[in-house]
Amino acid sequence: MISVRTAPGLIIIYFYIIEYNFPIFLQKEITENFTELEPGEYSDKTHLTGNSRNLLEGVNLDKIEENVNQFLTNREYLDEEIRLPDFSAYIGLSTHQASYYLNHYRKLSFSDFLNYHRLEEAKQLILSKKNLNLLEIAFECGFNSPSSFRRACLKFAEKTPKELRNQLIQEEPTLQKLELQTQS
């Protein structure tokens, strides 16, 4: 039997559980007029409004681009231990600024940025080192596991690693012919 003293406490607990599991029931105002933004809808020079702010205000973006290109030229992305703090120190920004730069100017997260360039390196290795299997190529390109290599292949090439290898090997003679034609 529930006593008069415990009833208010039980009611509070009841509403807390309802609010926690079904927040829409106790929500006072439901926003009906909102617009859904498509990815990449804003140009990379768009200033953000509201509570968001441009973390790169006053930063020389040309110098940052130069540092990022140097990072790519030196193939630092091949280091499987590279983390956002390492990358941000390399390009001369704080970790928040580096993440903001990649998200807003490159339209990639840090891990996607690394995996995209690692996959491009893997494509080159597939063609140049045919004696290596896909696992060896994945590890040589900085991927930590076969599953991370597979996810990157599916995300950026829309193919499994085996399908990607087969496609690259089939396209190789065509690429060589194009290179010979441009050299003549």
N, C-alpha and C. Protein backbone atom coordinates (compact mmCIF):
# COMPACT_ATOMS: atom_id res chain seq x y z
N MET A 1 0.83 -1.17 0.00
CA MET A 1 0.00 0.00 0.00
C MET A 1 0.88 1.25 0.00
N ILE A 2 0.51 2.23 -0.78
CA ILE A 2 1.27 3.47 -0.89
C ILE A 2 0.75 4.45 0.15
N SER A 3 1.67 4.98 0.93
CA SER A 3 1.26 5.94 1.95
C SER A 3 1.17 7.34 1.36
N VAL A 4 0.56 8.22 2.10
CA VAL A 4 0.39 9.61 1.67
C VAL A 4 1.75 10.30 1.59
N ARG A 5 2.69 9.88 2.41
CA ARG A 5 4.01 10.51 2.42
C ARG A 5 4.85 10.12 1.20
N THR A 6 4.71 8.92 0.69
CA THR A 6 5.54 8.47 -0.44
C THR A 6 4.91 8.77 -1.80
N ALA A 7 3.63 9.10 -1.84
CA ALA A 7 2.96 9.34 -3.12
C ALA A 7 3.58 10.48 -3.92
N PRO A 8 3.88 11.66 -3.33
CA PRO A 8 4.48 12.73 -4.15
C PRO A 8 5.84 12.32 -4.73
N GLY A 9 6.62 11.60 -3.96
CA GLY A 9 7.92 11.15 -4.45
C GLY A 9 7.78 10.19 -5.61
N LEU A 10 6.81 9.30 -5.53
CA LEU A 10 6.58 8.35 -6.61
C LEU A 10 6.09 9.04 -7.87
N ILE A 11 5.27 10.07 -7.70
CA ILE A 11 4.79 10.83 -8.87
C ILE A 11 5.96 11.53 -9.56
N ILE A 12 6.85 12.11 -8.78
CA ILE A 12 8.02 12.77 -9.35
C ILE A 12 8.89 11.76 -10.09
N ILE A 13 9.12 10.63 -9.49
CA ILE A 13 9.92 9.58 -10.14
C ILE A 13 9.24 9.10 -11.41
N TYR A 14 7.92 8.95 -11.36
CA TYR A 14 7.16 8.52 -12.54
C TYR A 14 7.35 9.50 -13.70
N PHE A 15 7.18 10.80 -13.43
CA PHE A 15 7.34 11.79 -14.50
C PHE A 15 8.79 11.89 -14.97
N TYR A 16 9.72 11.70 -14.07
CA TYR A 16 11.13 11.71 -14.46
C TYR A 16 11.41 10.56 -15.44
N ILE A 17 10.91 9.39 -15.15
CA ILE A 17 11.10 8.23 -16.03
C ILE A 17 10.42 8.46 -17.37
N ILE A 18 9.20 9.01 -17.35
CA ILE A 18 8.50 9.31 -18.60
C ILE A 18 9.29 10.33 -19.42
N GLU A 19 9.75 11.40 -18.77
CA GLU A 19 10.50 12.43 -19.49
C GLU A 19 11.82 11.88 -20.04
N TYR A 20 12.48 11.04 -19.28
CA TYR A 20 13.75 10.48 -19.71
C TYR A 20 13.57 9.56 -20.91
N ASN A 21 12.57 8.70 -20.88
CA ASN A 21 12.36 7.73 -21.95
C ASN A 21 11.57 8.28 -23.12
N PHE A 22 10.71 9.24 -22.88
CA PHE A 22 9.85 9.82 -23.93
C PHE A 22 9.85 11.34 -23.81
N PRO A 23 10.93 11.99 -24.15
CA PRO A 23 11.02 13.45 -23.94
C PRO A 23 9.98 14.24 -24.72
N ILE A 24 9.48 13.71 -25.81
CA ILE A 24 8.52 14.43 -26.63
C ILE A 24 7.20 14.67 -25.90
N PHE A 25 6.82 13.79 -24.94
CA PHE A 25 5.55 13.92 -24.24
C PHE A 25 5.47 15.19 -23.39
N LEU A 26 6.56 15.53 -22.76
CA LEU A 26 6.54 16.68 -21.86
C LEU A 26 7.16 17.92 -22.49
N GLN A 27 7.49 17.86 -23.74
CA GLN A 27 8.09 19.00 -24.42
C GLN A 27 7.02 20.08 -24.60
N LYS A 28 7.35 21.31 -24.21
CA LYS A 28 6.36 22.38 -24.25
C LYS A 28 6.15 22.90 -25.66
N GLU A 29 7.21 23.00 -26.42
CA GLU A 29 7.09 23.60 -27.75
C GLU A 29 7.78 22.69 -28.75
N ILE A 30 7.10 22.39 -29.82
CA ILE A 30 7.67 21.56 -30.87
C ILE A 30 7.92 22.46 -32.07
N THR A 31 9.13 22.44 -32.54
CA THR A 31 9.48 23.27 -33.69
C THR A 31 8.98 22.58 -34.94
N GLU A 32 8.08 23.25 -35.64
CA GLU A 32 7.52 22.67 -36.86
C GLU A 32 8.16 23.25 -38.11
N ASN A 33 8.56 24.48 -38.05
CA ASN A 33 9.11 25.14 -39.23
C ASN A 33 10.62 25.16 -39.16
N PHE A 34 11.24 24.10 -39.58
CA PHE A 34 12.69 24.07 -39.65
C PHE A 34 13.09 23.62 -41.04
N THR A 35 14.29 23.99 -41.44
CA THR A 35 14.77 23.59 -42.75
C THR A 35 15.94 22.65 -42.55
N GLU A 36 15.94 21.60 -43.32
CA GLU A 36 17.02 20.64 -43.25
C GLU A 36 18.07 21.04 -44.27
N LEU A 37 19.32 21.12 -43.83
CA LEU A 37 20.40 21.55 -44.70
C LEU A 37 21.03 20.34 -45.38
N GLU A 38 21.33 20.50 -46.63
CA GLU A 38 22.02 19.45 -47.38
C GLU A 38 23.51 19.57 -47.09
N PRO A 39 24.25 18.45 -47.07
CA PRO A 39 25.69 18.53 -46.86
C PRO A 39 26.35 19.37 -47.95
N GLY A 40 27.27 20.23 -47.53
CA GLY A 40 28.00 21.05 -48.48
C GLY A 40 27.18 22.18 -49.07
N GLU A 41 26.06 22.54 -48.43
CA GLU A 41 25.19 23.57 -48.97
C GLU A 41 25.83 24.95 -48.90
N TYR A 42 26.63 25.17 -47.88
CA TYR A 42 27.27 26.47 -47.72
C TYR A 42 28.64 26.44 -48.38
N SER A 43 29.05 27.58 -48.89
CA SER A 43 30.40 27.66 -49.44
C SER A 43 31.38 27.65 -48.28
N ASP A 44 32.63 27.35 -48.56
CA ASP A 44 33.59 27.26 -47.48
C ASP A 44 33.96 28.61 -46.90
N LYS A 45 33.54 29.70 -47.49
CA LYS A 45 33.83 31.03 -46.97
C LYS A 45 32.66 31.60 -46.18
N THR A 46 31.57 30.86 -46.03
CA THR A 46 30.39 31.35 -45.34
C THR A 46 30.69 31.54 -43.85
N HIS A 47 30.28 32.68 -43.32
CA HIS A 47 30.43 32.91 -41.88
C HIS A 47 29.24 32.30 -41.17
N LEU A 48 29.50 31.70 -40.05
CA LEU A 48 28.45 31.07 -39.29
C LEU A 48 27.76 32.10 -38.41
N THR A 49 26.50 31.86 -38.12
CA THR A 49 25.74 32.78 -37.29
C THR A 49 25.32 32.08 -36.02
N GLY A 50 24.74 32.83 -35.12
CA GLY A 50 24.25 32.25 -33.88
C GLY A 50 25.38 32.02 -32.91
N ASN A 51 25.32 30.91 -32.19
CA ASN A 51 26.32 30.60 -31.18
C ASN A 51 27.62 30.12 -31.79
N SER A 52 27.58 29.65 -33.04
CA SER A 52 28.79 29.18 -33.69
C SER A 52 29.64 30.38 -34.08
N ARG A 53 30.94 30.16 -34.10
CA ARG A 53 31.82 31.24 -34.51
C ARG A 53 32.95 30.66 -35.34
N ASN A 54 33.53 31.52 -36.13
CA ASN A 54 34.63 31.11 -36.99
C ASN A 54 35.89 31.03 -36.13
N LEU A 55 36.37 29.83 -35.90
CA LEU A 55 37.56 29.63 -35.07
C LEU A 55 38.84 30.04 -35.79
N LEU A 56 38.74 30.27 -37.09
CA LEU A 56 39.94 30.62 -37.86
C LEU A 56 40.00 32.11 -38.19
N GLU A 57 39.20 32.90 -37.48
CA GLU A 57 39.21 34.34 -37.71
C GLU A 57 40.59 34.88 -37.38
N GLY A 58 41.17 35.61 -38.32
CA GLY A 58 42.49 36.19 -38.12
C GLY A 58 43.64 35.25 -38.44
N VAL A 59 43.34 34.03 -38.85
CA VAL A 59 44.38 33.05 -39.19
C VAL A 59 44.67 33.15 -40.68
N ASN A 60 45.94 33.07 -41.04
CA ASN A 60 46.35 33.12 -42.44
C ASN A 60 46.04 31.76 -43.08
N LEU A 61 44.93 31.70 -43.82
CA LEU A 61 44.50 30.43 -44.42
C LEU A 61 45.46 29.95 -45.50
N ASP A 62 46.13 30.87 -46.18
CA ASP A 62 47.11 30.46 -47.19
C ASP A 62 48.26 29.70 -46.54
N LYS A 63 48.70 30.17 -45.39
CA LYS A 63 49.77 29.50 -44.66
C LYS A 63 49.31 28.13 -44.16
N ILE A 64 48.06 28.05 -43.72
CA ILE A 64 47.51 26.77 -43.26
C ILE A 64 47.45 25.79 -44.43
N GLU A 65 46.95 26.26 -45.58
CA GLU A 65 46.90 25.40 -46.78
C GLU A 65 48.29 24.91 -47.14
N GLU A 66 49.27 25.81 -47.06
CA GLU A 66 50.66 25.44 -47.37
C GLU A 66 51.14 24.35 -46.40
N ASN A 67 50.84 24.50 -45.12
CA ASN A 67 51.25 23.51 -44.12
C ASN A 67 50.54 22.17 -44.33
N VAL A 68 49.26 22.22 -44.68
CA VAL A 68 48.52 20.98 -44.94
C VAL A 68 49.10 20.28 -46.17
N ASN A 69 49.40 21.05 -47.21
CA ASN A 69 50.00 20.47 -48.41
C ASN A 69 51.37 19.87 -48.11
N GLN A 70 52.14 20.51 -47.22
CA GLN A 70 53.43 19.96 -46.80
C GLN A 70 53.22 18.65 -46.04
N PHE A 71 52.20 18.61 -45.19
CA PHE A 71 51.83 17.39 -44.46
C PHE A 71 51.55 16.26 -45.44
N LEU A 72 50.81 16.58 -46.51
CA LEU A 72 50.47 15.57 -47.51
C LEU A 72 51.68 15.18 -48.34
N THR A 73 52.51 16.16 -48.70
CA THR A 73 53.71 15.89 -49.49
C THR A 73 54.66 14.97 -48.73
N ASN A 74 54.80 15.23 -47.43
CA ASN A 74 55.68 14.40 -46.59
C ASN A 74 55.05 13.06 -46.21
N ARG A 75 53.80 12.87 -46.64
CA ARG A 75 53.07 11.63 -46.42
C ARG A 75 52.99 11.26 -44.94
N GLU A 76 52.78 12.28 -44.11
CA GLU A 76 52.66 12.08 -42.66
C GLU A 76 51.44 11.24 -42.30
N TYR A 77 50.45 11.21 -43.17
CA TYR A 77 49.22 10.45 -42.92
C TYR A 77 49.46 8.95 -42.89
N LEU A 78 50.63 8.50 -43.35
CA LEU A 78 50.94 7.07 -43.34
C LEU A 78 51.26 6.56 -41.94
N ASP A 79 51.57 7.46 -41.03
CA ASP A 79 51.85 7.07 -39.65
C ASP A 79 50.55 6.65 -38.97
N GLU A 80 50.47 5.38 -38.59
CA GLU A 80 49.22 4.89 -38.00
C GLU A 80 48.98 5.47 -36.61
N GLU A 81 49.98 6.07 -36.01
CA GLU A 81 49.84 6.66 -34.68
C GLU A 81 49.49 8.14 -34.72
N ILE A 82 49.34 8.72 -35.90
CA ILE A 82 49.06 10.16 -36.00
C ILE A 82 47.68 10.46 -35.41
N ARG A 83 47.62 11.50 -34.62
CA ARG A 83 46.37 11.92 -33.98
C ARG A 83 46.14 13.40 -34.29
N LEU A 84 44.94 13.86 -34.00
CA LEU A 84 44.59 15.26 -34.26
C LEU A 84 45.56 16.24 -33.60
N PRO A 85 45.99 16.03 -32.35
CA PRO A 85 46.96 16.97 -31.77
C PRO A 85 48.27 17.04 -32.56
N ASP A 86 48.72 15.91 -33.10
CA ASP A 86 49.94 15.89 -33.91
C ASP A 86 49.74 16.69 -35.19
N PHE A 87 48.61 16.45 -35.84
CA PHE A 87 48.29 17.16 -37.09
C PHE A 87 48.17 18.65 -36.83
N SER A 88 47.47 19.02 -35.76
CA SER A 88 47.26 20.44 -35.48
C SER A 88 48.59 21.13 -35.18
N ALA A 89 49.49 20.47 -34.47
CA ALA A 89 50.81 21.04 -34.21
C ALA A 89 51.59 21.20 -35.52
N TYR A 90 51.46 20.23 -36.40
CA TYR A 90 52.16 20.27 -37.68
C TYR A 90 51.73 21.46 -38.53
N ILE A 91 50.43 21.75 -38.53
CA ILE A 91 49.94 22.85 -39.38
C ILE A 91 49.87 24.18 -38.63
N GLY A 92 50.19 24.17 -37.33
CA GLY A 92 50.27 25.41 -36.57
C GLY A 92 48.94 25.93 -36.05
N LEU A 93 48.03 25.05 -35.69
CA LEU A 93 46.74 25.45 -35.15
C LEU A 93 46.47 24.68 -33.85
N SER A 94 45.48 25.14 -33.10
CA SER A 94 45.03 24.36 -31.95
C SER A 94 44.24 23.16 -32.48
N THR A 95 43.97 22.20 -31.63
CA THR A 95 43.20 21.03 -32.08
C THR A 95 41.80 21.43 -32.52
N HIS A 96 41.19 22.38 -31.81
CA HIS A 96 39.85 22.83 -32.19
C HIS A 96 39.88 23.53 -33.55
N GLN A 97 40.89 24.35 -33.77
CA GLN A 97 41.01 25.06 -35.05
C GLN A 97 41.28 24.09 -36.19
N ALA A 98 42.14 23.10 -35.95
CA ALA A 98 42.45 22.12 -37.00
C ALA A 98 41.21 21.31 -37.36
N SER A 99 40.45 20.91 -36.36
CA SER A 99 39.21 20.18 -36.62
C SER A 99 38.22 21.07 -37.37
N TYR A 100 38.10 22.31 -36.97
CA TYR A 100 37.21 23.27 -37.63
C TYR A 100 37.63 23.46 -39.09
N TYR A 101 38.94 23.60 -39.31
CA TYR A 101 39.46 23.76 -40.67
C TYR A 101 39.08 22.57 -41.54
N LEU A 102 39.34 21.36 -41.06
CA LEU A 102 39.03 20.16 -41.85
C LEU A 102 37.53 20.04 -42.11
N ASN A 103 36.73 20.30 -41.10
CA ASN A 103 35.27 20.16 -41.24
C ASN A 103 34.68 21.20 -42.18
N HIS A 104 35.14 22.44 -42.12
CA HIS A 104 34.52 23.52 -42.88
C HIS A 104 35.19 23.82 -44.21
N TYR A 105 36.47 23.59 -44.32
CA TYR A 105 37.18 23.93 -45.56
C TYR A 105 37.48 22.70 -46.41
N ARG A 106 37.70 21.57 -45.79
CA ARG A 106 37.95 20.33 -46.53
C ARG A 106 36.72 19.43 -46.57
N LYS A 107 35.73 19.74 -45.77
CA LYS A 107 34.47 18.97 -45.69
C LYS A 107 34.72 17.51 -45.29
N LEU A 108 35.71 17.29 -44.44
CA LEU A 108 36.03 15.95 -43.96
C LEU A 108 36.34 16.00 -42.47
N SER A 109 36.03 14.93 -41.77
CA SER A 109 36.50 14.81 -40.39
C SER A 109 37.99 14.45 -40.45
N PHE A 110 38.66 14.53 -39.30
CA PHE A 110 40.08 14.21 -39.29
C PHE A 110 40.33 12.78 -39.74
N SER A 111 39.55 11.83 -39.23
CA SER A 111 39.77 10.43 -39.61
C SER A 111 39.46 10.21 -41.09
N ASP A 112 38.43 10.87 -41.62
CA ASP A 112 38.13 10.74 -43.05
C ASP A 112 39.24 11.36 -43.90
N PHE A 113 39.80 12.48 -43.44
CA PHE A 113 40.92 13.13 -44.13
C PHE A 113 42.09 12.16 -44.23
N LEU A 114 42.45 11.54 -43.11
CA LEU A 114 43.55 10.57 -43.12
C LEU A 114 43.23 9.37 -44.00
N ASN A 115 42.05 8.81 -43.82
CA ASN A 115 41.70 7.59 -44.55
C ASN A 115 41.59 7.83 -46.04
N TYR A 116 41.13 9.00 -46.45
CA TYR A 116 41.06 9.32 -47.88
C TYR A 116 42.47 9.29 -48.49
N HIS A 117 43.41 9.95 -47.84
CA HIS A 117 44.77 10.00 -48.38
C HIS A 117 45.48 8.65 -48.24
N ARG A 118 45.18 7.91 -47.20
CA ARG A 118 45.73 6.56 -47.07
C ARG A 118 45.22 5.67 -48.19
N LEU A 119 43.95 5.81 -48.53
CA LEU A 119 43.38 5.01 -49.61
C LEU A 119 44.02 5.37 -50.95
N GLU A 120 44.26 6.66 -51.18
CA GLU A 120 44.93 7.07 -52.41
C GLU A 120 46.33 6.46 -52.49
N GLU A 121 47.01 6.41 -51.36
CA GLU A 121 48.33 5.76 -51.30
C GLU A 121 48.20 4.26 -51.58
N ALA A 122 47.17 3.64 -51.03
CA ALA A 122 46.95 2.21 -51.24
C ALA A 122 46.72 1.92 -52.72
N LYS A 123 46.00 2.80 -53.40
CA LYS A 123 45.77 2.61 -54.84
C LYS A 123 47.09 2.61 -55.60
N GLN A 124 47.99 3.50 -55.22
CA GLN A 124 49.30 3.54 -55.87
C GLN A 124 50.09 2.26 -55.58
N LEU A 125 50.02 1.79 -54.34
CA LEU A 125 50.76 0.58 -53.98
C LEU A 125 50.20 -0.66 -54.65
N ILE A 126 48.90 -0.71 -54.83
CA ILE A 126 48.28 -1.85 -55.51
C ILE A 126 48.87 -1.99 -56.91
N LEU A 127 49.10 -0.87 -57.57
CA LEU A 127 49.64 -0.91 -58.93
C LEU A 127 51.16 -1.08 -58.95
N SER A 128 51.85 -0.51 -57.98
CA SER A 128 53.32 -0.55 -58.03
C SER A 128 53.93 -1.77 -57.34
N LYS A 129 53.27 -2.30 -56.32
CA LYS A 129 53.81 -3.44 -55.58
C LYS A 129 52.82 -4.59 -55.64
N LYS A 130 52.78 -5.22 -56.78
CA LYS A 130 51.79 -6.29 -57.00
C LYS A 130 52.08 -7.54 -56.19
N ASN A 131 53.29 -7.64 -55.63
CA ASN A 131 53.63 -8.81 -54.82
C ASN A 131 53.03 -8.72 -53.41
N LEU A 132 52.56 -7.55 -52.99
CA LEU A 132 51.97 -7.40 -51.66
C LEU A 132 50.49 -7.77 -51.69
N ASN A 133 50.04 -8.41 -50.62
CA ASN A 133 48.60 -8.68 -50.52
C ASN A 133 47.91 -7.45 -49.94
N LEU A 134 46.59 -7.46 -49.94
CA LEU A 134 45.83 -6.28 -49.52
C LEU A 134 46.06 -5.93 -48.06
N LEU A 135 46.25 -6.92 -47.20
CA LEU A 135 46.50 -6.65 -45.79
C LEU A 135 47.83 -5.93 -45.60
N GLU A 136 48.86 -6.37 -46.32
CA GLU A 136 50.16 -5.71 -46.23
C GLU A 136 50.07 -4.27 -46.75
N ILE A 137 49.33 -4.08 -47.82
CA ILE A 137 49.14 -2.73 -48.36
C ILE A 137 48.42 -1.85 -47.35
N ALA A 138 47.38 -2.40 -46.73
CA ALA A 138 46.61 -1.63 -45.73
C ALA A 138 47.51 -1.18 -44.59
N PHE A 139 48.32 -2.08 -44.05
CA PHE A 139 49.19 -1.73 -42.94
C PHE A 139 50.28 -0.76 -43.37
N GLU A 140 50.79 -0.93 -44.57
CA GLU A 140 51.83 -0.03 -45.07
C GLU A 140 51.30 1.39 -45.28
N CYS A 141 50.01 1.51 -45.52
CA CYS A 141 49.40 2.83 -45.75
C CYS A 141 48.89 3.47 -44.47
N GLY A 142 49.08 2.84 -43.33
CA GLY A 142 48.70 3.46 -42.07
C GLY A 142 47.38 3.02 -41.49
N PHE A 143 46.69 2.10 -42.15
CA PHE A 143 45.44 1.60 -41.58
C PHE A 143 45.77 0.69 -40.40
N ASN A 144 44.98 0.78 -39.34
CA ASN A 144 45.23 0.00 -38.13
C ASN A 144 44.71 -1.42 -38.21
N SER A 145 43.75 -1.65 -39.10
CA SER A 145 43.13 -2.97 -39.16
C SER A 145 42.55 -3.20 -40.55
N PRO A 146 42.29 -4.46 -40.89
CA PRO A 146 41.65 -4.73 -42.17
C PRO A 146 40.26 -4.10 -42.27
N SER A 147 39.56 -4.03 -41.14
CA SER A 147 38.21 -3.45 -41.18
C SER A 147 38.24 -1.95 -41.45
N SER A 148 39.23 -1.24 -40.93
CA SER A 148 39.31 0.20 -41.22
C SER A 148 39.66 0.42 -42.70
N PHE A 149 40.49 -0.44 -43.26
CA PHE A 149 40.82 -0.36 -44.68
C PHE A 149 39.57 -0.63 -45.52
N ARG A 150 38.82 -1.63 -45.13
CA ARG A 150 37.59 -1.98 -45.86
C ARG A 150 36.58 -0.83 -45.80
N ARG A 151 36.40 -0.25 -44.60
CA ARG A 151 35.46 0.88 -44.47
C ARG A 151 35.87 2.05 -45.35
N ALA A 152 37.17 2.34 -45.41
CA ALA A 152 37.65 3.44 -46.25
C ALA A 152 37.41 3.14 -47.72
N CYS A 153 37.64 1.91 -48.13
CA CYS A 153 37.39 1.52 -49.53
C CYS A 153 35.91 1.70 -49.87
N LEU A 154 35.06 1.23 -48.99
CA LEU A 154 33.62 1.34 -49.24
C LEU A 154 33.16 2.79 -49.24
N LYS A 155 33.72 3.60 -48.36
CA LYS A 155 33.28 4.99 -48.25
C LYS A 155 33.77 5.83 -49.43
N PHE A 156 35.03 5.70 -49.80
CA PHE A 156 35.61 6.60 -50.80
C PHE A 156 35.64 6.03 -52.21
N ALA A 157 35.71 4.70 -52.34
CA ALA A 157 35.75 4.10 -53.68
C ALA A 157 34.46 3.34 -53.99
N GLU A 158 33.63 3.17 -52.98
CA GLU A 158 32.37 2.44 -53.11
C GLU A 158 32.58 1.02 -53.63
N LYS A 159 33.70 0.43 -53.20
CA LYS A 159 34.05 -0.94 -53.58
C LYS A 159 34.75 -1.60 -52.40
N THR A 160 34.69 -2.92 -52.36
CA THR A 160 35.48 -3.64 -51.36
C THR A 160 36.94 -3.57 -51.79
N PRO A 161 37.87 -3.87 -50.90
CA PRO A 161 39.29 -3.84 -51.30
C PRO A 161 39.60 -4.74 -52.50
N LYS A 162 39.02 -5.95 -52.54
CA LYS A 162 39.27 -6.84 -53.68
C LYS A 162 38.72 -6.26 -54.97
N GLU A 163 37.51 -5.71 -54.90
CA GLU A 163 36.92 -5.09 -56.10
C GLU A 163 37.75 -3.90 -56.56
N LEU A 164 38.25 -3.13 -55.61
CA LEU A 164 39.09 -1.98 -55.96
C LEU A 164 40.38 -2.44 -56.63
N ARG A 165 41.01 -3.46 -56.06
CA ARG A 165 42.25 -3.98 -56.66
C ARG A 165 41.99 -4.47 -58.09
N ASN A 166 40.93 -5.24 -58.28
CA ASN A 166 40.60 -5.76 -59.62
C ASN A 166 40.34 -4.63 -60.60
N GLN A 167 39.62 -3.61 -60.16
CA GLN A 167 39.34 -2.47 -61.04
C GLN A 167 40.63 -1.74 -61.42
N LEU A 168 41.50 -1.51 -60.44
CA LEU A 168 42.75 -0.79 -60.73
C LEU A 168 43.64 -1.59 -61.67
N ILE A 169 43.70 -2.89 -61.49
CA ILE A 169 44.53 -3.73 -62.35
C ILE A 169 43.96 -3.77 -63.77
N GLN A 170 42.64 -3.79 -63.88
CA GLN A 170 42.02 -3.77 -65.22
C GLN A 170 42.23 -2.43 -65.91
N GLU A 171 42.20 -1.35 -65.15
CA GLU A 171 42.35 -0.01 -65.74
C GLU A 171 43.81 0.36 -66.01
N GLU A 172 44.75 -0.38 -65.44
CA GLU A 172 46.16 -0.02 -65.56
C GLU A 172 46.64 0.09 -67.01
N PRO A 173 46.35 -0.86 -67.91
CA PRO A 173 46.81 -0.71 -69.29
C PRO A 173 46.27 0.57 -69.95
N THR A 174 45.04 0.92 -69.64
CA THR A 174 44.45 2.15 -70.20
C THR A 174 45.19 3.37 -69.68
N LEU A 175 45.53 3.37 -68.39
CA LEU A 175 46.25 4.49 -67.81
C LEU A 175 47.65 4.62 -68.42
N GLN A 176 48.31 3.48 -68.67
CA GLN A 176 49.64 3.52 -69.26
C GLN A 176 49.58 4.08 -70.68
N LYS A 177 48.56 3.71 -71.45
CA LYS A 177 48.41 4.24 -72.81
C LYS A 177 48.21 5.75 -72.78
N LEU A 178 47.41 6.23 -71.83
CA LEU A 178 47.17 7.67 -71.72
C LEU A 178 48.45 8.41 -71.37
N GLU A 179 49.27 7.83 -70.48
CA GLU A 179 50.54 8.45 -70.11
C GLU A 179 51.48 8.52 -71.31
N LEU A 180 51.53 7.46 -72.11
CA LEU A 180 52.39 7.46 -73.30
C LEU A 180 51.93 8.50 -74.31
N GLN A 181 50.63 8.65 -74.47
CA GLN A 181 50.09 9.63 -75.42
C GLN A 181 50.40 11.05 -74.97
N THR A 182 50.35 11.31 -73.69
CA THR A 182 50.62 12.67 -73.20
C THR A 182 52.11 12.99 -73.27
N GLN A 183 52.97 11.97 -73.20
CA GLN A 183 54.41 12.20 -73.28
C GLN A 183 54.86 12.45 -74.72
N SER A 184 54.11 11.98 -75.71
CA SER A 184 54.51 12.14 -77.11
C SER A 184 54.17 13.50 -77.64
